[in-house]
Amino acid sequence: MLRKILFQNQNKKQLVIALIGSMLGILFLISSIHYSVIINEFGKGKDMLGPNTLIVQKKVTNSSTLNISKIDFSRSEIDKIKREDFIKDIQPVLSNNFDISIETSDPLVPYFRSDIFVQSIPEEFIDVKINSWKWKRDDEIVPIIMPREFLIMLNTFMSARGIPQVSEDLVKDVSFQFKVWKGGEKEMFKVKIIGFTNEVSSILVPSSFMEYGDLKFGKINFKKITQVLILGEKGKFGLVEKMLKSRGLEPKNAQLIVGRLKSIVGTLFIFVFIVSLVTVFISILVLIQYIQLQLSKNTFEITTLLRLGYPERTLSKVITSNFYILFGSISVLSFILFSVVKMVVDKICLKGGLYISTDFTFQSLLGLFITYFLFLFLVNKVVVKGIHKLF
């Protein structure tokens, strides 16, 4: 009875427009939050390096070939790059200055041997899931991270011998060993592959192993730094790329493409997120104004009911519960629409070779709940304040 009295003068057209605006705003909001999180997670952990991290070296030119210009980094050059506002961190990539080879030592796999070079990077830049990336002189096994090119080379070798090729998981169980030598002195180390990367073309070893090899088998006293790891500030990839060009530095082309893609997608989702927030804010504002208009139109009815002894709280509850149900329904519809849009987008990404997670993100659901409860809070405040003025 109270609901019929209090809502007899409502403008349904204005209400429908406000609810449609809210639904679209919520849809855009949770979609932008969801895919921002998904793209971010896709950038992390896919390989060894996290987002905005590049391995760079100086461009090789005719002058560097003739030893007129240097291709290594001095400490002052590294410090100068580190002082840039858009550079979060920069670390040298250490390379061996000793002779080293890798060979199979597994009776189930044909003998394979190759001279190699190994590198070491700080542990915090390694994103391969490992229990321990450490090595001590008395350890039985040296953990290593292999470039995927090595697996391709190994499978090509095995295919030429008429032997079935091996997957990443199987090759981790194959026994390998390092041979390190200097002149007539040599030493053998058992090796275990713990992960693979597309970002580095060399075999990665713990820094402690590199130090041991350089100390015992190194050929020169001074080590040249020919590559560095650059960690750029989030959202400033364009500045990092501009700096690389101005200093004659070059990363892997694939890293540049991925970095640009992340930057474009990140900027796009920030724009969509801001538009979504504005849309939700305006739609909620329209709904609040609509509620205020309804209170104004029903001044006589509300005043009469108050004089008849109906408590303010009862009238507030009738009005707010109606809008709670309406906005709750809109939130559910928005989530259903989001699920449909997500399913279509995920299929398109899958067909395009972008293997992103298809799970719902906690952050998008949290955004939905925050929006709903913010609306409840504002509606309750407006209705209680409006009825209290009429008392």
Protein backbone atom coordinates (compact mmCIF):
# COMPACT_ATOMS: atom_id res chain seq x y z
CA MET A 1 0.00 0.00 0.00
CA LEU A 2 2.78 2.45 0.96
CA ARG A 3 4.76 1.56 -2.16
CA LYS A 4 1.76 2.32 -4.35
CA ILE A 5 1.20 5.70 -2.69
CA LEU A 6 4.85 6.77 -2.78
CA PHE A 7 5.55 5.75 -6.38
CA GLN A 8 2.34 6.78 -8.12
CA ASN A 9 3.89 9.92 -9.62
CA GLN A 10 7.15 8.51 -10.97
CA ASN A 11 8.48 9.40 -14.45
CA LYS A 12 9.30 5.98 -15.88
CA LYS A 13 11.01 7.35 -19.00
CA GLN A 14 13.63 9.24 -16.98
CA LEU A 15 14.10 6.23 -14.72
CA VAL A 16 14.67 3.86 -17.67
CA ILE A 17 17.25 6.23 -19.24
CA ALA A 18 19.13 6.49 -15.93
CA LEU A 19 19.09 2.70 -15.42
CA ILE A 20 20.33 2.00 -18.97
CA GLY A 21 23.15 4.50 -18.43
CA SER A 22 24.05 2.80 -15.15
CA MET A 23 24.06 -0.63 -16.78
CA LEU A 24 26.38 0.47 -19.60
CA GLY A 25 28.64 2.31 -17.17
CA ILE A 26 28.96 -0.73 -14.91
CA LEU A 27 29.57 -2.98 -17.94
CA PHE A 28 32.41 -0.76 -19.20
CA LEU A 29 33.81 -0.38 -15.69
CA ILE A 30 34.11 -4.09 -14.82
CA SER A 31 35.27 -4.91 -18.38
CA SER A 32 38.10 -2.37 -18.23
CA ILE A 33 39.15 -3.54 -14.75
CA HIS A 34 39.02 -7.20 -15.78
CA TYR A 35 41.10 -6.87 -18.95
CA SER A 36 43.57 -4.46 -17.37
CA VAL A 37 44.29 -7.13 -14.74
CA ILE A 38 44.35 -9.96 -17.31
CA ILE A 39 46.75 -8.16 -19.68
CA ASN A 40 48.96 -7.24 -16.74
CA GLU A 41 49.08 -10.84 -15.56
CA PHE A 42 49.69 -12.02 -19.12
CA GLY A 43 52.78 -9.78 -19.26
CA LYS A 44 54.15 -11.26 -16.05
CA GLY A 45 55.44 -14.75 -15.75
CA LYS A 46 55.06 -15.73 -19.41
CA ASP A 47 58.81 -15.78 -19.74
CA MET A 48 61.72 -14.81 -17.56
CA LEU A 49 61.38 -11.05 -17.62
CA GLY A 50 58.56 -9.02 -16.18
CA PRO A 51 56.79 -6.11 -17.90
CA ASN A 52 58.78 -3.02 -18.95
CA THR A 53 62.06 -4.96 -18.66
CA LEU A 54 64.46 -4.93 -21.60
CA ILE A 55 67.87 -6.47 -22.24
CA VAL A 56 69.77 -3.98 -24.38
CA GLN A 57 73.15 -3.66 -26.01
CA LYS A 58 74.88 -1.04 -28.12
CA LYS A 59 74.23 -1.12 -31.85
CA VAL A 60 77.06 -2.64 -33.85
CA THR A 61 78.25 -0.18 -36.47
CA ASN A 62 81.20 0.01 -38.88
CA SER A 63 83.15 2.05 -36.34
CA SER A 64 82.60 -0.53 -33.61
CA THR A 65 83.69 -3.29 -36.02
CA LEU A 66 86.95 -1.37 -36.59
CA ASN A 67 87.34 -0.86 -32.80
CA ILE A 68 86.88 2.90 -33.20
CA SER A 69 83.85 2.96 -30.89
CA LYS A 70 83.16 0.79 -27.84
CA ILE A 71 80.30 -1.69 -27.58
CA ASP A 72 80.64 -2.19 -23.82
CA PHE A 73 79.09 -0.13 -21.03
CA SER A 74 81.16 1.86 -18.56
CA ARG A 75 80.04 2.32 -14.97
CA SER A 76 79.45 6.05 -15.61
CA GLU A 77 77.15 5.24 -18.57
CA ILE A 78 75.11 2.84 -16.43
CA ASP A 79 74.83 5.41 -13.62
CA LYS A 80 73.73 8.11 -16.08
CA ILE A 81 70.93 5.92 -17.45
CA LYS A 82 69.85 5.00 -13.91
CA ARG A 83 69.39 8.69 -13.02
CA GLU A 84 66.64 9.12 -15.63
CA ASP A 85 63.19 9.66 -14.06
CA PHE A 86 61.55 6.93 -16.15
CA ILE A 87 64.16 4.27 -15.30
CA LYS A 88 63.30 2.20 -12.24
CA ASP A 89 66.46 0.10 -12.23
CA ILE A 90 69.39 -0.93 -14.42
CA GLN A 91 71.66 -3.92 -13.84
CA PRO A 92 74.56 -5.38 -15.82
CA VAL A 93 74.18 -8.75 -17.53
CA LEU A 94 77.32 -10.70 -16.59
CA SER A 95 78.92 -12.97 -19.22
CA ASN A 96 81.57 -15.62 -18.75
CA ASN A 97 85.21 -15.00 -19.62
CA PHE A 98 86.10 -18.69 -19.34
CA ASP A 99 85.71 -21.62 -21.75
CA ILE A 100 82.60 -23.72 -21.12
CA SER A 101 80.68 -26.43 -22.99
CA ILE A 102 77.50 -28.41 -22.34
CA GLU A 103 76.99 -32.08 -23.11
CA THR A 104 74.45 -34.80 -22.46
CA SER A 105 75.26 -37.41 -19.83
CA ASP A 106 72.12 -39.52 -20.09
CA PRO A 107 72.21 -43.14 -21.33
CA LEU A 108 68.73 -42.71 -22.86
CA VAL A 109 69.78 -39.72 -24.99
CA PRO A 110 72.46 -39.68 -27.74
CA TYR A 111 75.67 -37.85 -26.91
CA PHE A 112 75.46 -34.17 -27.73
CA ARG A 113 78.06 -31.48 -27.05
CA SER A 114 78.38 -27.79 -27.84
CA ASP A 115 80.59 -24.90 -26.76
CA ILE A 116 78.41 -22.23 -25.20
CA PHE A 117 78.49 -18.91 -23.40
CA VAL A 118 76.61 -18.37 -20.18
CA GLN A 119 75.22 -15.26 -18.53
CA SER A 120 73.90 -14.24 -15.14
CA ILE A 121 71.30 -11.65 -14.18
CA PRO A 122 70.09 -10.50 -10.74
CA GLU A 123 67.67 -12.91 -9.09
CA GLU A 124 64.89 -10.33 -8.76
CA PHE A 125 64.60 -10.16 -12.56
CA ILE A 126 64.07 -13.90 -12.91
CA ASP A 127 60.38 -14.76 -13.21
CA VAL A 128 60.73 -18.51 -13.74
CA LYS A 129 59.12 -20.31 -10.81
CA ILE A 130 61.97 -21.96 -8.94
CA ASN A 131 62.51 -23.04 -5.36
CA SER A 132 66.06 -21.77 -5.24
CA TRP A 133 68.24 -19.96 -7.74
CA LYS A 134 71.43 -20.48 -5.78
CA TRP A 135 74.65 -22.48 -6.10
CA LYS A 136 77.57 -23.19 -3.78
CA ARG A 137 80.86 -24.86 -4.59
CA ASP A 138 79.88 -28.08 -2.79
CA ASP A 139 76.44 -28.30 -4.44
CA GLU A 140 75.95 -31.36 -6.61
CA ILE A 141 73.85 -29.67 -9.33
CA VAL A 142 74.00 -26.29 -11.08
CA PRO A 143 70.47 -24.98 -11.84
CA ILE A 144 70.19 -23.33 -15.26
CA ILE A 145 67.58 -21.57 -17.40
CA MET A 146 67.73 -22.43 -21.08
CA PRO A 147 66.81 -20.31 -24.10
CA ARG A 148 64.09 -22.03 -26.11
CA GLU A 149 66.40 -21.87 -29.14
CA PHE A 150 68.50 -24.52 -27.42
CA LEU A 151 65.51 -26.88 -27.23
CA ILE A 152 64.84 -26.29 -30.93
CA MET A 153 68.50 -27.02 -31.72
CA LEU A 154 68.44 -30.17 -29.57
CA ASN A 155 65.25 -31.45 -31.23
CA THR A 156 66.72 -30.74 -34.68
CA PHE A 157 69.80 -32.78 -33.73
CA MET A 158 67.64 -35.64 -32.41
CA SER A 159 65.39 -35.57 -35.47
CA ALA A 160 68.44 -35.87 -37.73
CA ARG A 161 69.45 -38.97 -35.75
CA GLY A 162 65.96 -40.48 -36.14
CA ILE A 163 65.20 -40.07 -32.44
CA PRO A 164 61.81 -38.79 -31.19
CA GLN A 165 61.83 -35.13 -30.21
CA VAL A 166 61.33 -34.06 -26.59
CA SER A 167 59.07 -31.51 -24.94
CA GLU A 168 60.10 -28.90 -22.37
CA ASP A 169 58.96 -31.12 -19.49
CA LEU A 170 60.85 -34.15 -20.79
CA VAL A 171 64.08 -32.28 -21.47
CA LYS A 172 64.12 -31.11 -17.84
CA ASP A 173 64.61 -34.76 -16.86
CA VAL A 174 67.55 -35.25 -19.26
CA SER A 175 70.95 -35.26 -17.54
CA PHE A 176 73.44 -32.63 -18.76
CA GLN A 177 76.82 -31.50 -17.55
CA PHE A 178 79.10 -28.50 -17.93
CA LYS A 179 82.76 -28.79 -18.80
CA VAL A 180 84.78 -25.74 -17.73
CA TRP A 181 88.47 -25.53 -18.55
CA LYS A 182 91.56 -23.38 -18.83
CA GLY A 183 94.56 -24.86 -20.55
CA GLY A 184 95.00 -28.41 -19.21
CA GLU A 185 92.87 -27.80 -16.11
CA LYS A 186 89.18 -28.73 -16.32
CA GLU A 187 86.19 -29.36 -14.07
CA MET A 188 82.82 -31.08 -14.65
CA PHE A 189 79.48 -29.98 -13.14
CA LYS A 190 76.12 -31.72 -13.21
CA VAL A 191 73.41 -29.48 -14.64
CA LYS A 192 69.62 -29.39 -14.27
CA ILE A 193 67.32 -27.34 -16.51
CA ILE A 194 64.69 -25.62 -14.36
CA GLY A 195 63.03 -23.40 -16.95
CA PHE A 196 63.05 -21.83 -20.40
CA THR A 197 62.96 -18.28 -21.70
CA ASN A 198 62.40 -16.50 -25.00
CA GLU A 199 64.05 -13.29 -23.81
CA VAL A 200 67.70 -14.32 -23.50
CA SER A 201 69.73 -16.14 -26.13
CA SER A 202 72.26 -17.57 -23.69
CA ILE A 203 72.13 -20.09 -20.86
CA LEU A 204 71.54 -18.42 -17.49
CA VAL A 205 73.44 -19.57 -14.43
CA PRO A 206 73.48 -18.34 -10.80
CA SER A 207 75.84 -15.43 -10.19
CA SER A 208 77.80 -17.51 -7.65
CA PHE A 209 78.66 -20.06 -10.36
CA MET A 210 79.72 -17.26 -12.70
CA GLU A 211 81.99 -15.78 -10.01
CA TYR A 212 83.55 -19.18 -9.32
CA GLY A 213 84.21 -19.83 -13.02
CA ASP A 214 85.69 -16.38 -13.59
CA LEU A 215 87.91 -16.67 -10.53
CA LYS A 216 89.28 -20.13 -11.29
CA PHE A 217 89.14 -20.35 -15.10
CA GLY A 218 88.86 -16.73 -16.25
CA LYS A 219 91.09 -15.53 -19.06
CA ILE A 220 91.12 -11.80 -18.30
CA ASN A 221 91.06 -9.77 -15.09
CA PHE A 222 88.68 -7.06 -16.33
CA LYS A 223 85.16 -8.03 -17.37
CA LYS A 224 83.40 -6.05 -20.06
CA ILE A 225 79.68 -5.37 -19.68
CA THR A 226 78.14 -5.64 -23.16
CA GLN A 227 74.49 -5.96 -22.11
CA VAL A 228 72.35 -4.37 -19.41
CA LEU A 229 68.89 -5.02 -18.00
CA ILE A 230 66.71 -1.92 -17.97
CA LEU A 231 63.53 -1.81 -15.88
CA GLY A 232 61.33 1.11 -16.95
CA GLU A 233 58.70 2.83 -14.86
CA LYS A 234 55.17 1.62 -15.53
CA GLY A 235 53.36 3.67 -18.17
CA LYS A 236 56.57 5.33 -19.45
CA PHE A 237 57.66 2.89 -22.14
CA GLY A 238 57.65 5.62 -24.80
CA LEU A 239 60.26 7.60 -22.85
CA VAL A 240 62.39 4.47 -22.42
CA GLU A 241 62.26 3.74 -26.15
CA LYS A 242 63.17 7.35 -27.00
CA MET A 243 66.16 7.17 -24.65
CA LEU A 244 67.36 3.92 -26.25
CA LYS A 245 67.30 5.47 -29.72
CA SER A 246 69.14 8.61 -28.58
CA ARG A 247 71.89 6.53 -26.95
CA GLY A 248 72.28 4.07 -29.82
CA LEU A 249 70.99 1.12 -27.79
CA GLU A 250 68.86 -1.71 -29.09
CA PRO A 251 66.82 -4.42 -27.39
CA LYS A 252 65.37 -7.54 -28.92
CA ASN A 253 62.76 -6.55 -31.54
CA ALA A 254 60.16 -8.83 -29.91
CA GLN A 255 60.65 -7.03 -26.58
CA LEU A 256 59.98 -3.68 -28.26
CA ILE A 257 56.80 -4.99 -29.89
CA VAL A 258 55.52 -6.45 -26.62
CA GLY A 259 56.45 -3.27 -24.75
CA ARG A 260 54.59 -1.10 -27.26
CA LEU A 261 51.59 -3.43 -27.14
CA LYS A 262 51.46 -3.28 -23.35
CA SER A 263 51.78 0.49 -23.43
CA ILE A 264 48.98 0.91 -26.00
CA VAL A 265 46.67 -1.57 -24.27
CA GLY A 266 47.40 -0.05 -20.85
CA THR A 267 46.63 3.47 -22.10
CA LEU A 268 43.46 2.26 -23.84
CA PHE A 269 42.15 0.54 -20.71
CA ILE A 270 42.94 3.58 -18.56
CA PHE A 271 40.90 5.70 -20.98
CA VAL A 272 38.01 3.18 -20.93
CA PHE A 273 38.24 2.99 -17.13
CA ILE A 274 37.99 6.79 -16.78
CA VAL A 275 35.07 6.94 -19.24
CA SER A 276 33.38 4.11 -17.31
CA LEU A 277 33.80 5.93 -13.99
CA VAL A 278 32.37 9.12 -15.48
CA THR A 279 29.44 7.18 -16.98
CA VAL A 280 28.69 5.41 -13.70
CA PHE A 281 29.02 8.67 -11.76
CA ILE A 282 26.66 10.55 -14.12
CA SER A 283 24.10 7.71 -14.14
CA ILE A 284 24.13 7.49 -10.33
CA LEU A 285 23.82 11.28 -10.18
CA VAL A 286 20.79 11.11 -12.51
CA LEU A 287 19.24 8.41 -10.31
CA ILE A 288 19.87 10.51 -7.19
CA GLN A 289 18.25 13.52 -8.86
CA TYR A 290 15.37 11.29 -9.89
CA ILE A 291 14.92 10.20 -6.26
CA GLN A 292 15.00 13.82 -5.11
CA LEU A 293 12.41 14.67 -7.75
CA GLN A 294 10.21 11.80 -6.55
CA LEU A 295 10.45 13.05 -2.97
CA SER A 296 9.52 16.53 -4.18
CA LYS A 297 6.53 15.24 -6.19
CA ASN A 298 5.31 13.20 -3.23
CA THR A 299 5.72 15.91 -0.61
CA PHE A 300 2.02 15.90 0.20
CA GLU A 301 1.79 12.11 0.46
CA ILE A 302 4.94 11.82 2.63
CA THR A 303 3.89 14.70 4.90
CA THR A 304 0.41 13.17 5.33
CA LEU A 305 1.84 9.73 6.17
CA LEU A 306 4.20 11.28 8.72
CA ARG A 307 1.30 13.09 10.37
CA LEU A 308 -0.70 9.87 10.48
CA GLY A 309 2.12 8.40 12.61
CA TYR A 310 4.22 6.47 10.12
CA PRO A 311 7.89 6.54 11.28
CA GLU A 312 10.50 8.21 9.06
CA ARG A 313 12.47 4.97 9.06
CA THR A 314 9.52 3.00 7.64
CA LEU A 315 8.96 5.44 4.77
CA SER A 316 12.72 5.60 4.06
CA LYS A 317 12.92 1.82 3.96
CA VAL A 318 10.02 1.55 1.45
CA ILE A 319 11.59 4.10 -0.91
CA THR A 320 15.19 2.88 -0.63
CA SER A 321 14.31 -0.82 -0.95
CA ASN A 322 12.63 -0.11 -4.28
CA PHE A 323 15.80 1.50 -5.66
CA TYR A 324 18.00 -1.17 -4.05
CA ILE A 325 16.11 -3.80 -6.04
CA LEU A 326 16.25 -1.75 -9.25
CA PHE A 327 19.99 -1.06 -9.04
CA GLY A 328 20.67 -4.63 -7.90
CA SER A 329 18.84 -5.93 -10.98
CA ILE A 330 20.85 -3.56 -13.17
CA SER A 331 24.09 -4.79 -11.56
CA VAL A 332 23.14 -8.43 -12.22
CA LEU A 333 22.19 -7.63 -15.83
CA SER A 334 25.50 -5.79 -16.27
CA PHE A 335 27.40 -8.81 -15.00
CA ILE A 336 25.48 -11.15 -17.33
CA LEU A 337 26.27 -8.85 -20.27
CA PHE A 338 29.91 -8.72 -19.14
CA SER A 339 30.03 -12.54 -19.09
CA VAL A 340 28.73 -12.67 -22.67
CA VAL A 341 31.16 -9.96 -23.85
CA LYS A 342 34.02 -11.70 -22.01
CA MET A 343 33.22 -15.04 -23.67
CA VAL A 344 33.28 -13.43 -27.13
CA VAL A 345 36.50 -11.47 -26.46
CA ASP A 346 38.24 -14.54 -24.97
CA LYS A 347 37.38 -16.58 -28.09
CA ILE A 348 38.73 -13.82 -30.35
CA CYS A 349 41.95 -13.68 -28.29
CA LEU A 350 42.29 -17.47 -28.45
CA LYS A 351 41.91 -17.48 -32.23
CA GLY A 352 44.49 -14.70 -32.47
CA GLY A 353 47.02 -16.66 -30.40
CA LEU A 354 46.70 -14.51 -27.27
CA TYR A 355 46.35 -17.13 -24.53
CA ILE A 356 45.00 -15.01 -21.72
CA SER A 357 43.27 -16.36 -18.62
CA THR A 358 39.54 -17.01 -19.07
CA ASP A 359 38.77 -16.84 -15.34
CA PHE A 360 36.84 -13.99 -13.77
CA THR A 361 39.10 -11.60 -11.91
CA PHE A 362 38.55 -10.75 -8.27
CA GLN A 363 39.19 -7.05 -8.97
CA SER A 364 36.32 -6.79 -11.49
CA LEU A 365 33.87 -8.43 -9.06
CA LEU A 366 35.14 -6.13 -6.31
CA GLY A 367 34.52 -3.12 -8.58
CA LEU A 368 30.95 -4.30 -9.15
CA PHE A 369 30.27 -4.69 -5.41
CA ILE A 370 31.88 -1.34 -4.55
CA THR A 371 29.71 0.43 -7.15
CA TYR A 372 26.55 -1.25 -5.82
CA PHE A 373 27.24 -0.49 -2.15
CA LEU A 374 28.26 3.09 -2.99
CA PHE A 375 24.87 3.52 -4.64
CA LEU A 376 23.11 2.04 -1.59
CA PHE A 377 24.95 4.44 0.68
CA LEU A 378 24.12 7.52 -1.42
CA VAL A 379 20.45 6.56 -1.92
CA ASN A 380 19.97 5.91 1.79
CA LYS A 381 21.57 9.24 2.68
CA VAL A 382 19.49 11.23 0.15
CA VAL A 383 16.17 9.58 1.11
CA VAL A 384 16.69 9.87 4.87
CA LYS A 385 17.75 13.51 4.56
CA GLY A 386 14.82 14.33 2.21
CA ILE A 387 12.15 12.78 4.43
CA HIS A 388 13.63 14.34 7.55
CA LYS A 389 13.26 17.82 5.99
CA LEU A 390 9.55 17.17 5.48
CA PHE A 391 8.96 16.09 9.08
